[in-house]
C-alpha atoms as a PDB file:
ATOM      1  CA  MET A   1      17.322 -28.255  -4.073  1.00  0.00           C
ATOM      2  CA  SER A   2      19.832 -25.408  -3.926  1.00  0.00           C
ATOM      3  CA  ASP A   3      22.695 -27.913  -4.179  1.00  0.00           C
ATOM      4  CA  ALA A   4      21.114 -29.578  -7.241  1.00  0.00           C
ATOM      5  CA  LEU A   5      20.535 -26.214  -8.947  1.00  0.00           C
ATOM      6  CA  ARG A   6      24.094 -25.090  -8.148  1.00  0.00           C
ATOM      7  CA  ARG A   7      25.454 -28.278  -9.730  1.00  0.00           C
ATOM      8  CA  LEU A   8      23.217 -27.844 -12.777  1.00  0.00           C
ATOM      9  CA  HIS A   9      24.391 -24.249 -13.223  1.00  0.00           C
ATOM     10  CA  THR A  10      28.016 -25.415 -12.871  1.00  0.00           C
ATOM     11  CA  LEU A  11      27.481 -27.823 -15.771  1.00  0.00           C
ATOM     12  CA  GLU A  12      25.134 -25.837 -18.000  1.00  0.00           C
ATOM     13  CA  GLY A  13      25.700 -22.204 -17.070  1.00  0.00           C
ATOM     14  CA  PRO A  14      22.948 -19.896 -15.839  1.00  0.00           C
ATOM     15  CA  ALA A  15      20.027 -21.743 -17.471  1.00  0.00           C
ATOM     16  CA  PRO A  16      16.497 -20.558 -16.663  1.00  0.00           C
ATOM     17  CA  VAL A  17      14.440 -22.852 -14.444  1.00  0.00           C
ATOM     18  CA  ASN A  18      10.700 -23.263 -13.890  1.00  0.00           C
ATOM     19  CA  ALA A  19       9.519 -24.672 -10.566  1.00  0.00           C
ATOM     20  CA  TRP A  20       6.109 -25.725  -9.260  1.00  0.00           C
ATOM     21  CA  VAL A  21       4.996 -26.576  -5.735  1.00  0.00           C
ATOM     22  CA  HIS A  22       2.430 -29.400  -5.658  1.00  0.00           C
ATOM     23  CA  ASP A  23       0.301 -30.027  -2.603  1.00  0.00           C
ATOM     24  CA  THR A  24      -1.960 -32.836  -3.819  1.00  0.00           C
ATOM     25  CA  GLY A  25      -1.619 -35.609  -1.259  1.00  0.00           C
ATOM     26  CA  HIS A  26       1.909 -34.598  -0.275  1.00  0.00           C
ATOM     27  CA  TRP A  27       4.071 -31.535  -0.797  1.00  0.00           C
ATOM     28  CA  HIS A  28       6.810 -31.695  -3.410  1.00  0.00           C
ATOM     29  CA  VAL A  29       8.607 -29.346  -5.787  1.00  0.00           C
ATOM     30  CA  GLU A  30       8.908 -30.045  -9.505  1.00  0.00           C
ATOM     31  CA  VAL A  31      11.849 -28.337 -11.229  1.00  0.00           C
ATOM     32  CA  LEU A  32      12.185 -28.054 -15.009  1.00  0.00           C
ATOM     33  CA  PRO A  33      15.411 -26.514 -16.334  1.00  0.00           C
ATOM     34  CA  ARG A  34      15.024 -24.916 -19.768  1.00  0.00           C
ATOM     35  CA  LEU A  35      18.142 -26.256 -21.496  1.00  0.00           C
ATOM     36  CA  THR A  36      16.716 -26.633 -25.019  1.00  0.00           C
ATOM     37  CA  VAL A  37      13.958 -25.183 -27.161  1.00  0.00           C
ATOM     38  CA  PHE A  38      10.816 -27.310 -27.291  1.00  0.00           C
ATOM     39  CA  ALA A  39       9.948 -28.616 -30.757  1.00  0.00           C
ATOM     40  CA  GLY A  40       7.048 -30.480 -32.378  1.00  0.00           C
ATOM     41  CA  ILE A  41       6.842 -33.620 -30.240  1.00  0.00           C
ATOM     42  CA  GLU A  42       7.172 -31.714 -26.968  1.00  0.00           C
ATOM     43  CA  LEU A  43       4.669 -29.028 -27.923  1.00  0.00           C
ATOM     44  CA  GLY A  44       2.233 -31.191 -29.882  1.00  0.00           C
ATOM     45  CA  ALA A  45       2.113 -34.378 -27.831  1.00  0.00           C
ATOM     46  CA  GLY A  46       3.416 -33.238 -24.459  1.00  0.00           C
ATOM     47  CA  ILE A  47       6.175 -35.861 -24.651  1.00  0.00           C
ATOM     48  CA  TYR A  48       9.618 -34.651 -23.634  1.00  0.00           C
ATOM     49  CA  VAL A  49      12.637 -35.984 -25.526  1.00  0.00           C
ATOM     50  CA  ASN A  50      15.571 -36.730 -23.237  1.00  0.00           C
ATOM     51  CA  THR A  51      18.792 -36.378 -25.248  1.00  0.00           C
ATOM     52  CA  LEU A  52      21.031 -37.511 -22.384  1.00  0.00           C
ATOM     53  CA  ALA A  53      20.902 -40.881 -20.660  1.00  0.00           C
ATOM     54  CA  PRO A  54      19.733 -40.529 -17.024  1.00  0.00           C
ATOM     55  CA  GLU A  55      22.824 -42.398 -15.774  1.00  0.00           C
ATOM     56  CA  ASP A  56      25.123 -39.947 -17.578  1.00  0.00           C
ATOM     57  CA  ALA A  57      23.199 -36.945 -16.254  1.00  0.00           C
ATOM     58  CA  ALA A  58      23.322 -38.293 -12.680  1.00  0.00           C
ATOM     59  CA  ALA A  59      27.061 -38.974 -12.918  1.00  0.00           C
ATOM     60  CA  ALA A  60      27.737 -35.475 -14.266  1.00  0.00           C
ATOM     61  CA  LEU A  61      25.679 -33.853 -11.482  1.00  0.00           C
ATOM     62  CA  ARG A  62      27.415 -35.975  -8.835  1.00  0.00           C
ATOM     63  CA  ASN A  63      30.838 -34.864 -10.097  1.00  0.00           C
ATOM     64  CA  ALA A  64      29.948 -31.158 -10.404  1.00  0.00           C
ATOM     65  CA  CYS A  65      31.253 -28.871  -7.666  1.00  0.00           C
END
């Protein structure tokens, strides 16, 4: 996780991050970087708008130092 956060901070700068530890059935960590301000659809419906294609985001993170 530290490597992923380091790469994210390389790309986006020191963005704030929320993290949760879930222990229902199996342990895992959910990480939510706060890169934008939530608007109507996110706040009202709980649906998050992804403005970057997952393939592009993965490629950028892979290439970050």
